[in-house]
Amino acid sequence: MLGWALTFLLLALVAGLFGFFGLAGLAAGIAKLLLFAFLVLVLFLVSALTGTMRGRAPPI
């Protein structure tokens, strides 16, 4: 997922460089969305791992 975010960021930079601002904006928006989803996933996994190591049961 992080790889896709970086790919879309690179696409946005290249499109902006060549003047395709509509495509650059779209690619930048997709890159932001994918980066946010990646960060949420990482934080969820860290939280689940620390909760498991502490021995707490997940809230229902």
N, C-alpha and C. Protein backbone atom coordinates (compact mmCIF):
# COMPACT_ATOMS: atom_id res chain seq x y z
N MET A 1 0.83 -1.18 0.00
CA MET A 1 0.00 0.00 0.00
C MET A 1 0.88 1.25 0.00
N LEU A 2 1.97 1.20 0.76
CA LEU A 2 2.88 2.34 0.79
C LEU A 2 3.54 2.52 -0.58
N GLY A 3 3.82 1.42 -1.24
CA GLY A 3 4.40 1.49 -2.58
C GLY A 3 3.46 2.17 -3.57
N TRP A 4 2.18 1.87 -3.47
CA TRP A 4 1.20 2.51 -4.35
C TRP A 4 1.10 4.00 -4.06
N ALA A 5 1.16 4.35 -2.76
CA ALA A 5 1.10 5.77 -2.40
C ALA A 5 2.30 6.52 -2.98
N LEU A 6 3.48 5.93 -2.90
CA LEU A 6 4.66 6.56 -3.47
C LEU A 6 4.59 6.64 -4.99
N THR A 7 4.00 5.62 -5.61
CA THR A 7 3.83 5.62 -7.06
C THR A 7 2.92 6.77 -7.50
N PHE A 8 1.80 6.94 -6.81
CA PHE A 8 0.88 8.02 -7.16
C PHE A 8 1.49 9.38 -6.85
N LEU A 9 2.31 9.46 -5.80
CA LEU A 9 2.99 10.72 -5.52
C LEU A 9 3.96 11.07 -6.64
N LEU A 10 4.69 10.10 -7.11
CA LEU A 10 5.61 10.33 -8.21
C LEU A 10 4.84 10.72 -9.48
N LEU A 11 3.72 10.05 -9.73
CA LEU A 11 2.88 10.39 -10.87
C LEU A 11 2.37 11.83 -10.76
N ALA A 12 1.98 12.23 -9.57
CA ALA A 12 1.50 13.60 -9.37
C ALA A 12 2.60 14.61 -9.63
N LEU A 13 3.80 14.32 -9.18
CA LEU A 13 4.91 15.24 -9.40
C LEU A 13 5.25 15.37 -10.88
N VAL A 14 5.29 14.25 -11.59
CA VAL A 14 5.61 14.27 -13.02
C VAL A 14 4.50 14.96 -13.80
N ALA A 15 3.25 14.67 -13.46
CA ALA A 15 2.13 15.30 -14.16
C ALA A 15 2.12 16.81 -13.92
N GLY A 16 2.41 17.22 -12.69
CA GLY A 16 2.48 18.64 -12.40
C GLY A 16 3.62 19.33 -13.12
N LEU A 17 4.73 18.62 -13.27
CA LEU A 17 5.88 19.16 -13.98
C LEU A 17 5.55 19.41 -15.45
N PHE A 18 4.77 18.52 -16.05
CA PHE A 18 4.41 18.66 -17.45
C PHE A 18 3.14 19.49 -17.68
N GLY A 19 2.52 19.97 -16.60
CA GLY A 19 1.39 20.86 -16.74
C GLY A 19 0.02 20.20 -16.73
N PHE A 20 -0.05 18.94 -16.45
CA PHE A 20 -1.35 18.25 -16.35
C PHE A 20 -1.85 18.38 -14.91
N PHE A 21 -2.36 19.56 -14.57
CA PHE A 21 -2.68 19.85 -13.18
C PHE A 21 -3.90 19.07 -12.69
N GLY A 22 -4.83 18.76 -13.57
CA GLY A 22 -5.98 17.96 -13.16
C GLY A 22 -5.56 16.56 -12.77
N LEU A 23 -4.73 15.95 -13.58
CA LEU A 23 -4.22 14.61 -13.28
C LEU A 23 -3.31 14.65 -12.06
N ALA A 24 -2.53 15.71 -11.92
CA ALA A 24 -1.63 15.84 -10.77
C ALA A 24 -2.44 15.94 -9.47
N GLY A 25 -3.52 16.70 -9.49
CA GLY A 25 -4.36 16.82 -8.31
C GLY A 25 -5.04 15.52 -7.94
N LEU A 26 -5.51 14.81 -8.95
CA LEU A 26 -6.14 13.52 -8.71
C LEU A 26 -5.14 12.51 -8.14
N ALA A 27 -3.97 12.45 -8.73
CA ALA A 27 -2.96 11.51 -8.26
C ALA A 27 -2.49 11.86 -6.85
N ALA A 28 -2.37 13.15 -6.56
CA ALA A 28 -1.98 13.57 -5.21
C ALA A 28 -3.05 13.20 -4.19
N GLY A 29 -4.31 13.35 -4.57
CA GLY A 29 -5.40 12.97 -3.67
C GLY A 29 -5.41 11.48 -3.39
N ILE A 30 -5.17 10.68 -4.41
CA ILE A 30 -5.12 9.22 -4.23
C ILE A 30 -3.93 8.85 -3.36
N ALA A 31 -2.79 9.53 -3.58
CA ALA A 31 -1.61 9.26 -2.77
C ALA A 31 -1.87 9.58 -1.30
N LYS A 32 -2.55 10.69 -1.03
CA LYS A 32 -2.88 11.05 0.35
C LYS A 32 -3.79 10.01 0.99
N LEU A 33 -4.79 9.57 0.23
CA LEU A 33 -5.73 8.58 0.75
C LEU A 33 -5.02 7.27 1.07
N LEU A 34 -4.16 6.82 0.17
CA LEU A 34 -3.44 5.56 0.40
C LEU A 34 -2.46 5.68 1.56
N LEU A 35 -1.81 6.82 1.69
CA LEU A 35 -0.89 7.02 2.81
C LEU A 35 -1.64 7.02 4.13
N PHE A 36 -2.80 7.68 4.17
CA PHE A 36 -3.62 7.69 5.37
C PHE A 36 -4.08 6.28 5.73
N ALA A 37 -4.52 5.51 4.74
CA ALA A 37 -4.96 4.13 4.99
C ALA A 37 -3.79 3.29 5.50
N PHE A 38 -2.60 3.49 4.94
CA PHE A 38 -1.43 2.76 5.40
C PHE A 38 -1.11 3.09 6.86
N LEU A 39 -1.16 4.36 7.21
CA LEU A 39 -0.86 4.76 8.58
C LEU A 39 -1.89 4.21 9.56
N VAL A 40 -3.15 4.21 9.17
CA VAL A 40 -4.19 3.66 10.03
C VAL A 40 -3.96 2.16 10.24
N LEU A 41 -3.59 1.46 9.18
CA LEU A 41 -3.33 0.03 9.29
C LEU A 41 -2.14 -0.24 10.21
N VAL A 42 -1.08 0.53 10.06
CA VAL A 42 0.10 0.34 10.91
C VAL A 42 -0.24 0.61 12.37
N LEU A 43 -0.97 1.69 12.63
CA LEU A 43 -1.35 2.00 14.01
C LEU A 43 -2.26 0.93 14.59
N PHE A 44 -3.15 0.38 13.78
CA PHE A 44 -4.01 -0.71 14.25
C PHE A 44 -3.18 -1.94 14.61
N LEU A 45 -2.22 -2.29 13.76
CA LEU A 45 -1.40 -3.46 14.04
C LEU A 45 -0.53 -3.26 15.28
N VAL A 46 0.02 -2.08 15.46
CA VAL A 46 0.81 -1.80 16.65
C VAL A 46 -0.06 -1.88 17.90
N SER A 47 -1.25 -1.33 17.82
CA SER A 47 -2.17 -1.38 18.95
C SER A 47 -2.59 -2.82 19.27
N ALA A 48 -2.87 -3.61 18.25
CA ALA A 48 -3.25 -5.00 18.47
C ALA A 48 -2.09 -5.80 19.06
N LEU A 49 -0.89 -5.54 18.59
CA LEU A 49 0.28 -6.25 19.09
C LEU A 49 0.57 -5.89 20.54
N THR A 50 0.51 -4.62 20.88
CA THR A 50 0.77 -4.24 22.27
C THR A 50 -0.35 -4.72 23.19
N GLY A 51 -1.57 -4.74 22.72
CA GLY A 51 -2.67 -5.28 23.52
C GLY A 51 -2.51 -6.77 23.77
N THR A 52 -1.99 -7.49 22.76
CA THR A 52 -1.76 -8.92 22.91
C THR A 52 -0.61 -9.19 23.88
N MET A 53 0.42 -8.37 23.81
CA MET A 53 1.57 -8.57 24.69
C MET A 53 1.24 -8.26 26.14
N ARG A 54 0.32 -7.35 26.36
CA ARG A 54 -0.08 -7.02 27.72
C ARG A 54 -1.07 -8.06 28.29
N GLY A 55 -1.65 -8.86 27.43
CA GLY A 55 -2.57 -9.88 27.89
C GLY A 55 -3.99 -9.40 28.06
N ARG A 56 -4.30 -8.25 27.56
CA ARG A 56 -5.67 -7.75 27.66
C ARG A 56 -6.53 -8.34 26.56
N ALA A 57 -7.77 -8.55 26.89
CA ALA A 57 -8.72 -8.99 25.88
C ALA A 57 -9.21 -7.77 25.12
N PRO A 58 -9.43 -7.90 23.81
CA PRO A 58 -9.94 -6.75 23.05
C PRO A 58 -11.35 -6.41 23.50
N PRO A 59 -11.69 -5.12 23.51
CA PRO A 59 -13.05 -4.72 23.92
C PRO A 59 -14.07 -5.18 22.88
N ILE A 60 -15.22 -5.55 23.40
CA ILE A 60 -16.27 -6.06 22.51
C ILE A 60 -17.30 -4.98 22.29
